């Protein structure tokens, strides 16, 4: 049985075949942030809309220093043929080119390692009745630590605006002594970390406001 993956766990390393050739995951990540995400099946409607959105938003991830890599229990031939449909669908919303690798995990090796397989939807299986993956997301930092995990059911497409928002929040809180409140987005006020004394806050964040002793907000611009 694979060890339980928690926030702060080192993302397990693995070797895999992808649409961009064979990779060693940690080596492929290098010193970058990374997002490993799974989809249930190629040539399916929700998955096509999702991967088209990821491809279309690739520049948004790239400017944040984030590498993208997809995965499903399909083989390489299936992935490569499906890419044409993904790009065709996405092109109606903007330039769409699938440049990120997609892992061919037909033996479920990586899916098992990352606990991606579906155990609740009896319809999310292949022709042999074997479970397919759910819609997982792992955000991994340059130290190879897992910083966020999300698992969506097969029936629900992901919101990649939210995933980008989380990347922004994590990268910001790594650099400054702040955290982000509900529905925060880039440009909004942030919350001063509880570890910062009021004296230090006056120096670091001269325009901050004290709402409660435990709740202090500040603009960053």
C-alpha atoms as a PDB file:
ATOM      1  CA  UNK A   1       0.000   0.000   0.000  1.00  0.00           C
ATOM      2  CA  UNK A   2       1.286   3.464  -0.896  1.00  0.00           C
ATOM      3  CA  UNK A   3       1.937   5.855   2.001  1.00  0.00           C
ATOM      4  CA  UNK A   4      -0.725   8.500   2.611  1.00  0.00           C
ATOM      5  CA  UNK A   5       0.116  11.713   0.793  1.00  0.00           C
ATOM      6  CA  UNK A   6      -0.490  14.817   2.871  1.00  0.00           C
ATOM      7  CA  UNK A   7       0.264  18.491   2.488  1.00  0.00           C
ATOM      8  CA  UNK A   8       3.989  18.755   3.097  1.00  0.00           C
ATOM      9  CA  UNK A   9       4.729  15.213   1.914  1.00  0.00           C
ATOM     10  CA  UNK A  10       7.444  14.826  -0.685  1.00  0.00           C
ATOM     11  CA  UNK A  11       5.756  14.093  -4.004  1.00  0.00           C
ATOM     12  CA  UNK A  12       6.709  10.515  -4.907  1.00  0.00           C
ATOM     13  CA  UNK A  13       9.185  10.204  -7.741  1.00  0.00           C
ATOM     14  CA  UNK A  14       8.448   7.896 -10.661  1.00  0.00           C
ATOM     15  CA  UNK A  15       9.409   7.064 -14.216  1.00  0.00           C
ATOM     16  CA  UNK A  16       6.759   7.125 -16.920  1.00  0.00           C
ATOM     17  CA  UNK A  17       6.096   7.263 -20.634  1.00  0.00           C
ATOM     18  CA  UNK A  18       4.508  10.508 -21.783  1.00  0.00           C
ATOM     19  CA  UNK A  19       3.500  12.223 -24.991  1.00  0.00           C
ATOM     20  CA  UNK A  20       6.782  14.150 -24.699  1.00  0.00           C
ATOM     21  CA  UNK A  21       8.870  11.006 -24.198  1.00  0.00           C
ATOM     22  CA  UNK A  22      10.003   9.116 -21.093  1.00  0.00           C
ATOM     23  CA  UNK A  23      10.479  11.154 -17.920  1.00  0.00           C
ATOM     24  CA  UNK A  24      11.787  10.851 -14.394  1.00  0.00           C
ATOM     25  CA  UNK A  25       9.332  13.015 -12.509  1.00  0.00           C
ATOM     26  CA  UNK A  26      11.641  14.820 -10.073  1.00  0.00           C
ATOM     27  CA  UNK A  27      14.226  15.355 -12.776  1.00  0.00           C
ATOM     28  CA  UNK A  28      11.539  16.717 -15.098  1.00  0.00           C
ATOM     29  CA  UNK A  29      10.307  19.119 -12.398  1.00  0.00           C
ATOM     30  CA  UNK A  30      13.777  20.485 -11.729  1.00  0.00           C
ATOM     31  CA  UNK A  31      13.541  23.615  -9.575  1.00  0.00           C
ATOM     32  CA  UNK A  32      10.088  24.582 -10.844  1.00  0.00           C
ATOM     33  CA  UNK A  33       6.652  24.506  -9.344  1.00  0.00           C
ATOM     34  CA  UNK A  34       4.576  21.752 -10.893  1.00  0.00           C
ATOM     35  CA  UNK A  35       0.987  20.642 -11.293  1.00  0.00           C
ATOM     36  CA  UNK A  36       0.273  16.945 -11.758  1.00  0.00           C
ATOM     37  CA  UNK A  37      -3.356  16.403 -12.698  1.00  0.00           C
ATOM     38  CA  UNK A  38      -5.313  13.340 -13.759  1.00  0.00           C
ATOM     39  CA  UNK A  39      -8.377  12.953 -15.942  1.00  0.00           C
ATOM     40  CA  UNK A  40     -10.612   9.861 -16.188  1.00  0.00           C
ATOM     41  CA  UNK A  41     -10.447   9.013 -19.882  1.00  0.00           C
ATOM     42  CA  UNK A  42      -9.448  10.236 -23.338  1.00  0.00           C
ATOM     43  CA  UNK A  43     -12.114  11.074 -25.918  1.00  0.00           C
ATOM     44  CA  UNK A  44     -14.654  12.017 -23.245  1.00  0.00           C
ATOM     45  CA  UNK A  45     -16.532  15.323 -23.061  1.00  0.00           C
ATOM     46  CA  UNK A  46     -15.621  16.804 -19.678  1.00  0.00           C
ATOM     47  CA  UNK A  47     -11.968  15.809 -20.002  1.00  0.00           C
ATOM     48  CA  UNK A  48     -11.755  17.396 -23.449  1.00  0.00           C
ATOM     49  CA  UNK A  49     -13.030  20.723 -22.115  1.00  0.00           C
ATOM     50  CA  UNK A  50     -10.610  20.568 -19.181  1.00  0.00           C
ATOM     51  CA  UNK A  51      -7.434  19.812 -21.092  1.00  0.00           C
ATOM     52  CA  UNK A  52      -8.354  22.417 -23.692  1.00  0.00           C
ATOM     53  CA  UNK A  53      -8.602  24.975 -20.898  1.00  0.00           C
ATOM     54  CA  UNK A  54      -5.246  23.928 -19.443  1.00  0.00           C
ATOM     55  CA  UNK A  55      -3.637  24.194 -22.882  1.00  0.00           C
ATOM     56  CA  UNK A  56      -5.229  27.584 -23.505  1.00  0.00           C
ATOM     57  CA  UNK A  57      -4.124  28.853 -20.088  1.00  0.00           C
ATOM     58  CA  UNK A  58      -0.600  27.440 -20.376  1.00  0.00           C
ATOM     59  CA  UNK A  59       0.952  30.940 -20.645  1.00  0.00           C
ATOM     60  CA  UNK A  60      -0.678  31.876 -17.314  1.00  0.00           C
ATOM     61  CA  UNK A  61       0.992  28.911 -15.645  1.00  0.00           C
ATOM     62  CA  UNK A  62       4.310  29.492 -17.424  1.00  0.00           C
ATOM     63  CA  UNK A  63       4.637  33.076 -16.211  1.00  0.00           C
ATOM     64  CA  UNK A  64       4.249  31.739 -12.666  1.00  0.00           C
ATOM     65  CA  UNK A  65       7.036  29.219 -13.247  1.00  0.00           C
ATOM     66  CA  UNK A  66       4.660  26.248 -13.130  1.00  0.00           C
ATOM     67  CA  UNK A  67       5.167  23.098 -15.202  1.00  0.00           C
ATOM     68  CA  UNK A  68       2.074  21.094 -16.153  1.00  0.00           C
ATOM     69  CA  UNK A  69       1.728  17.353 -16.614  1.00  0.00           C
ATOM     70  CA  UNK A  70      -1.452  15.355 -17.171  1.00  0.00           C
ATOM     71  CA  UNK A  71      -2.227  11.692 -16.603  1.00  0.00           C
ATOM     72  CA  UNK A  72      -4.821   9.040 -17.330  1.00  0.00           C
ATOM     73  CA  UNK A  73      -4.968   5.263 -17.668  1.00  0.00           C
ATOM     74  CA  UNK A  74      -4.868   5.479 -21.470  1.00  0.00           C
ATOM     75  CA  UNK A  75      -1.955   4.537 -23.701  1.00  0.00           C
ATOM     76  CA  UNK A  76       0.276   6.895 -25.667  1.00  0.00           C
ATOM     77  CA  UNK A  77      -1.433   6.256 -28.983  1.00  0.00           C
ATOM     78  CA  UNK A  78      -4.775   7.276 -27.492  1.00  0.00           C
ATOM     79  CA  UNK A  79      -3.316  10.448 -25.958  1.00  0.00           C
ATOM     80  CA  UNK A  80      -1.667  11.524 -29.195  1.00  0.00           C
ATOM     81  CA  UNK A  81      -4.802  11.021 -31.272  1.00  0.00           C
ATOM     82  CA  UNK A  82      -6.987  12.796 -28.704  1.00  0.00           C
ATOM     83  CA  UNK A  83      -4.788  15.908 -28.651  1.00  0.00           C
ATOM     84  CA  UNK A  84      -6.265  16.938 -32.017  1.00  0.00           C
ATOM     85  CA  UNK A  85      -9.764  17.010 -30.519  1.00  0.00           C
ATOM     86  CA  UNK A  86      -8.551  18.972 -27.489  1.00  0.00           C
ATOM     87  CA  UNK A  87      -6.960  21.625 -29.671  1.00  0.00           C
ATOM     88  CA  UNK A  88      -9.972  21.799 -31.973  1.00  0.00           C
ATOM     89  CA  UNK A  89     -12.335  22.351 -29.038  1.00  0.00           C
ATOM     90  CA  UNK A  90     -10.126  24.911 -27.334  1.00  0.00           C
ATOM     91  CA  UNK A  91      -9.500  26.924 -30.491  1.00  0.00           C
ATOM     92  CA  UNK A  92     -13.007  28.373 -30.367  1.00  0.00           C
ATOM     93  CA  UNK A  93     -12.019  30.179 -27.143  1.00  0.00           C
ATOM     94  CA  UNK A  94      -8.480  31.198 -28.087  1.00  0.00           C
ATOM     95  CA  UNK A  95      -5.125  29.796 -29.228  1.00  0.00           C
ATOM     96  CA  UNK A  96      -4.872  26.224 -27.936  1.00  0.00           C
ATOM     97  CA  UNK A  97      -1.851  23.977 -28.337  1.00  0.00           C
ATOM     98  CA  UNK A  98      -1.207  21.017 -26.054  1.00  0.00           C
ATOM     99  CA  UNK A  99       2.479  21.401 -25.242  1.00  0.00           C
ATOM    100  CA  UNK A 100       2.498  19.839 -21.778  1.00  0.00           C
ATOM    101  CA  UNK A 101       3.171  16.089 -21.476  1.00  0.00           C
ATOM    102  CA  UNK A 102       0.415  13.586 -20.709  1.00  0.00           C
ATOM    103  CA  UNK A 103       1.422  10.433 -18.851  1.00  0.00           C
ATOM    104  CA  UNK A 104       0.303   7.088 -20.264  1.00  0.00           C
ATOM    105  CA  UNK A 105      -0.529   5.162 -17.087  1.00  0.00           C
ATOM    106  CA  UNK A 106      -2.382   2.134 -18.436  1.00  0.00           C
ATOM    107  CA  UNK A 107      -0.948  -0.060 -15.668  1.00  0.00           C
ATOM    108  CA  UNK A 108      -2.189   2.426 -13.012  1.00  0.00           C
ATOM    109  CA  UNK A 109       1.275   2.540 -11.462  1.00  0.00           C
ATOM    110  CA  UNK A 110       1.389   6.308 -10.967  1.00  0.00           C
ATOM    111  CA  UNK A 111      -2.349   6.523 -10.273  1.00  0.00           C
ATOM    112  CA  UNK A 112      -1.924   4.039  -7.429  1.00  0.00           C
ATOM    113  CA  UNK A 113       1.152   5.844  -6.116  1.00  0.00           C
ATOM    114  CA  UNK A 114      -0.828   9.099  -5.915  1.00  0.00           C
ATOM    115  CA  UNK A 115      -4.170   7.516  -4.899  1.00  0.00           C
ATOM    116  CA  UNK A 116      -5.962   8.782  -8.002  1.00  0.00           C
ATOM    117  CA  UNK A 117      -8.213   5.822  -8.775  1.00  0.00           C
ATOM    118  CA  UNK A 118     -11.990   6.135  -8.515  1.00  0.00           C
ATOM    119  CA  UNK A 119     -13.545   3.997  -5.775  1.00  0.00           C
ATOM    120  CA  UNK A 120     -17.030   5.527  -5.674  1.00  0.00           C
ATOM    121  CA  UNK A 121     -18.321   5.895  -9.256  1.00  0.00           C
ATOM    122  CA  UNK A 122     -19.232   2.508 -10.728  1.00  0.00           C
ATOM    123  CA  UNK A 123     -19.469   4.051 -14.204  1.00  0.00           C
ATOM    124  CA  UNK A 124     -15.911   5.430 -14.173  1.00  0.00           C
ATOM    125  CA  UNK A 125     -14.273   2.200 -15.334  1.00  0.00           C
ATOM    126  CA  UNK A 126     -12.629   0.942 -18.504  1.00  0.00           C
ATOM    127  CA  UNK A 127     -13.931  -1.807 -20.798  1.00  0.00           C
ATOM    128  CA  UNK A 128     -12.447  -4.439 -18.485  1.00  0.00           C
ATOM    129  CA  UNK A 129     -14.211  -2.963 -15.466  1.00  0.00           C
ATOM    130  CA  UNK A 130     -10.999  -1.570 -13.975  1.00  0.00           C
ATOM    131  CA  UNK A 131     -11.314   1.795 -12.209  1.00  0.00           C
ATOM    132  CA  UNK A 132     -10.210   4.928 -14.008  1.00  0.00           C
ATOM    133  CA  UNK A 133      -8.768   7.993 -12.319  1.00  0.00           C
ATOM    134  CA  UNK A 134     -10.747  10.813 -10.759  1.00  0.00           C
ATOM    135  CA  UNK A 135      -9.890  14.463 -11.448  1.00  0.00           C
ATOM    136  CA  UNK A 136      -7.019  14.986  -9.023  1.00  0.00           C
ATOM    137  CA  UNK A 137      -4.758  18.022  -8.764  1.00  0.00           C
ATOM    138  CA  UNK A 138      -1.398  18.115  -6.988  1.00  0.00           C
ATOM    139  CA  UNK A 139       0.436  21.415  -6.693  1.00  0.00           C
ATOM    140  CA  UNK A 140       4.099  20.703  -5.975  1.00  0.00           C
ATOM    141  CA  UNK A 141       6.689  23.298  -4.984  1.00  0.00           C
ATOM    142  CA  UNK A 142      10.372  23.534  -6.015  1.00  0.00           C
ATOM    143  CA  UNK A 143      11.354  21.463  -2.958  1.00  0.00           C
ATOM    144  CA  UNK A 144       9.131  18.648  -4.315  1.00  0.00           C
ATOM    145  CA  UNK A 145       6.676  19.142  -1.438  1.00  0.00           C
ATOM    146  CA  UNK A 146       2.942  18.711  -2.029  1.00  0.00           C
ATOM    147  CA  UNK A 147       1.288  22.046  -1.270  1.00  0.00           C
ATOM    148  CA  UNK A 148      -2.278  21.369  -2.397  1.00  0.00           C
ATOM    149  CA  UNK A 149      -4.386  18.350  -3.284  1.00  0.00           C
ATOM    150  CA  UNK A 150      -7.882  18.388  -4.761  1.00  0.00           C
ATOM    151  CA  UNK A 151      -9.947  15.456  -5.998  1.00  0.00           C
ATOM    152  CA  UNK A 152     -12.995  16.150  -8.137  1.00  0.00           C
ATOM    153  CA  UNK A 153     -15.454  13.410  -9.119  1.00  0.00           C
ATOM    154  CA  UNK A 154     -15.563  12.286 -12.728  1.00  0.00           C
ATOM    155  CA  UNK A 155     -18.845  14.146 -13.272  1.00  0.00           C
ATOM    156  CA  UNK A 156     -17.457  17.568 -12.315  1.00  0.00           C
ATOM    157  CA  UNK A 157     -15.001  19.589 -14.364  1.00  0.00           C
ATOM    158  CA  UNK A 158     -12.375  21.614 -12.538  1.00  0.00           C
ATOM    159  CA  UNK A 159     -12.134  25.386 -12.172  1.00  0.00           C
ATOM    160  CA  UNK A 160      -8.630  26.293 -13.311  1.00  0.00           C
ATOM    161  CA  UNK A 161      -9.075  29.923 -12.280  1.00  0.00           C
ATOM    162  CA  UNK A 162      -9.191  28.594  -8.725  1.00  0.00           C
ATOM    163  CA  UNK A 163      -6.081  26.487  -9.246  1.00  0.00           C
ATOM    164  CA  UNK A 164      -4.178  29.517 -10.561  1.00  0.00           C
ATOM    165  CA  UNK A 165      -5.490  31.531  -7.598  1.00  0.00           C
ATOM    166  CA  UNK A 166      -4.053  28.960  -5.195  1.00  0.00           C
ATOM    167  CA  UNK A 167      -0.677  29.038  -6.964  1.00  0.00           C
ATOM    168  CA  UNK A 168      -0.647  32.831  -6.571  1.00  0.00           C
ATOM    169  CA  UNK A 169      -1.512  32.534  -2.883  1.00  0.00           C
ATOM    170  CA  UNK A 170       1.129  29.887  -2.171  1.00  0.00           C
ATOM    171  CA  UNK A 171       3.872  31.744  -4.000  1.00  0.00           C
ATOM    172  CA  UNK A 172       2.983  34.997  -2.255  1.00  0.00           C
ATOM    173  CA  UNK A 173       2.866  33.494   1.235  1.00  0.00           C
ATOM    174  CA  UNK A 174       6.231  31.819   0.620  1.00  0.00           C
ATOM    175  CA  UNK A 175       7.806  35.219  -0.075  1.00  0.00           C
ATOM    176  CA  UNK A 176       6.067  37.448   2.471  1.00  0.00           C
ATOM    177  CA  UNK A 177       4.650  37.099   5.975  1.00  0.00           C
ATOM    178  CA  UNK A 178       1.057  37.127   4.782  1.00  0.00           C
ATOM    179  CA  UNK A 179      -1.839  34.770   4.132  1.00  0.00           C
ATOM    180  CA  UNK A 180      -4.860  35.211   1.868  1.00  0.00           C
ATOM    181  CA  UNK A 181      -8.503  35.397   2.902  1.00  0.00           C
ATOM    182  CA  UNK A 182     -11.700  34.109   1.380  1.00  0.00           C
ATOM    183  CA  UNK A 183     -12.048  34.661  -2.382  1.00  0.00           C
ATOM    184  CA  UNK A 184      -8.712  36.502  -2.483  1.00  0.00           C
ATOM    185  CA  UNK A 185      -7.208  37.231  -5.874  1.00  0.00           C
ATOM    186  CA  UNK A 186      -4.101  39.064  -7.042  1.00  0.00           C
ATOM    187  CA  UNK A 187      -4.296  42.757  -6.172  1.00  0.00           C
ATOM    188  CA  UNK A 188      -6.607  42.312  -3.176  1.00  0.00           C
ATOM    189  CA  UNK A 189      -5.565  43.121   0.371  1.00  0.00           C
ATOM    190  CA  UNK A 190      -3.923  40.277   2.253  1.00  0.00           C
ATOM    191  CA  UNK A 191      -3.908  39.195   5.892  1.00  0.00           C
ATOM    192  CA  UNK A 192      -0.798  39.628   8.014  1.00  0.00           C
ATOM    193  CA  UNK A 193       0.495  36.325   9.365  1.00  0.00           C
ATOM    194  CA  UNK A 194      -0.288  35.687  13.025  1.00  0.00           C
ATOM    195  CA  UNK A 195       3.422  35.234  13.788  1.00  0.00           C
ATOM    196  CA  UNK A 196       4.100  38.913  12.990  1.00  0.00           C
ATOM    197  CA  UNK A 197       4.024  41.174  16.043  1.00  0.00           C
ATOM    198  CA  UNK A 198       2.212  44.491  15.826  1.00  0.00           C
ATOM    199  CA  UNK A 199       5.524  46.309  16.149  1.00  0.00           C
ATOM    200  CA  UNK A 200       6.964  44.358  13.221  1.00  0.00           C
ATOM    201  CA  UNK A 201       3.753  44.846  11.235  1.00  0.00           C
ATOM    202  CA  UNK A 202       4.123  48.621  11.497  1.00  0.00           C
ATOM    203  CA  UNK A 203       7.514  48.334   9.818  1.00  0.00           C
ATOM    204  CA  UNK A 204       6.677  45.697   7.227  1.00  0.00           C
ATOM    205  CA  UNK A 205       3.178  46.902   6.401  1.00  0.00           C
ATOM    206  CA  UNK A 206       2.849  50.597   7.322  1.00  0.00           C
ATOM    207  CA  UNK A 207      -0.600  50.867   5.711  1.00  0.00           C
ATOM    208  CA  UNK A 208      -2.144  47.895   7.478  1.00  0.00           C
ATOM    209  CA  UNK A 209      -5.439  47.979   9.359  1.00  0.00           C
ATOM    210  CA  UNK A 210      -6.204  46.252  12.649  1.00  0.00           C
ATOM    211  CA  UNK A 211      -9.754  44.862  12.603  1.00  0.00           C
ATOM    212  CA  UNK A 212      -9.266  42.452  15.497  1.00  0.00           C
ATOM    213  CA  UNK A 213      -6.149  41.584  17.450  1.00  0.00           C
ATOM    214  CA  UNK A 214      -5.955  38.443  15.318  1.00  0.00           C
ATOM    215  CA  UNK A 215      -7.154  39.955  12.020  1.00  0.00           C
ATOM    216  CA  UNK A 216      -4.993  42.563  10.304  1.00  0.00           C
ATOM    217  CA  UNK A 217      -5.174  43.370   6.607  1.00  0.00           C
ATOM    218  CA  UNK A 218      -2.823  45.245   4.349  1.00  0.00           C
ATOM    219  CA  UNK A 219      -2.429  46.230   0.716  1.00  0.00           C
ATOM    220  CA  UNK A 220       0.787  45.107  -0.926  1.00  0.00           C
ATOM    221  CA  UNK A 221       0.970  47.665  -3.720  1.00  0.00           C
END
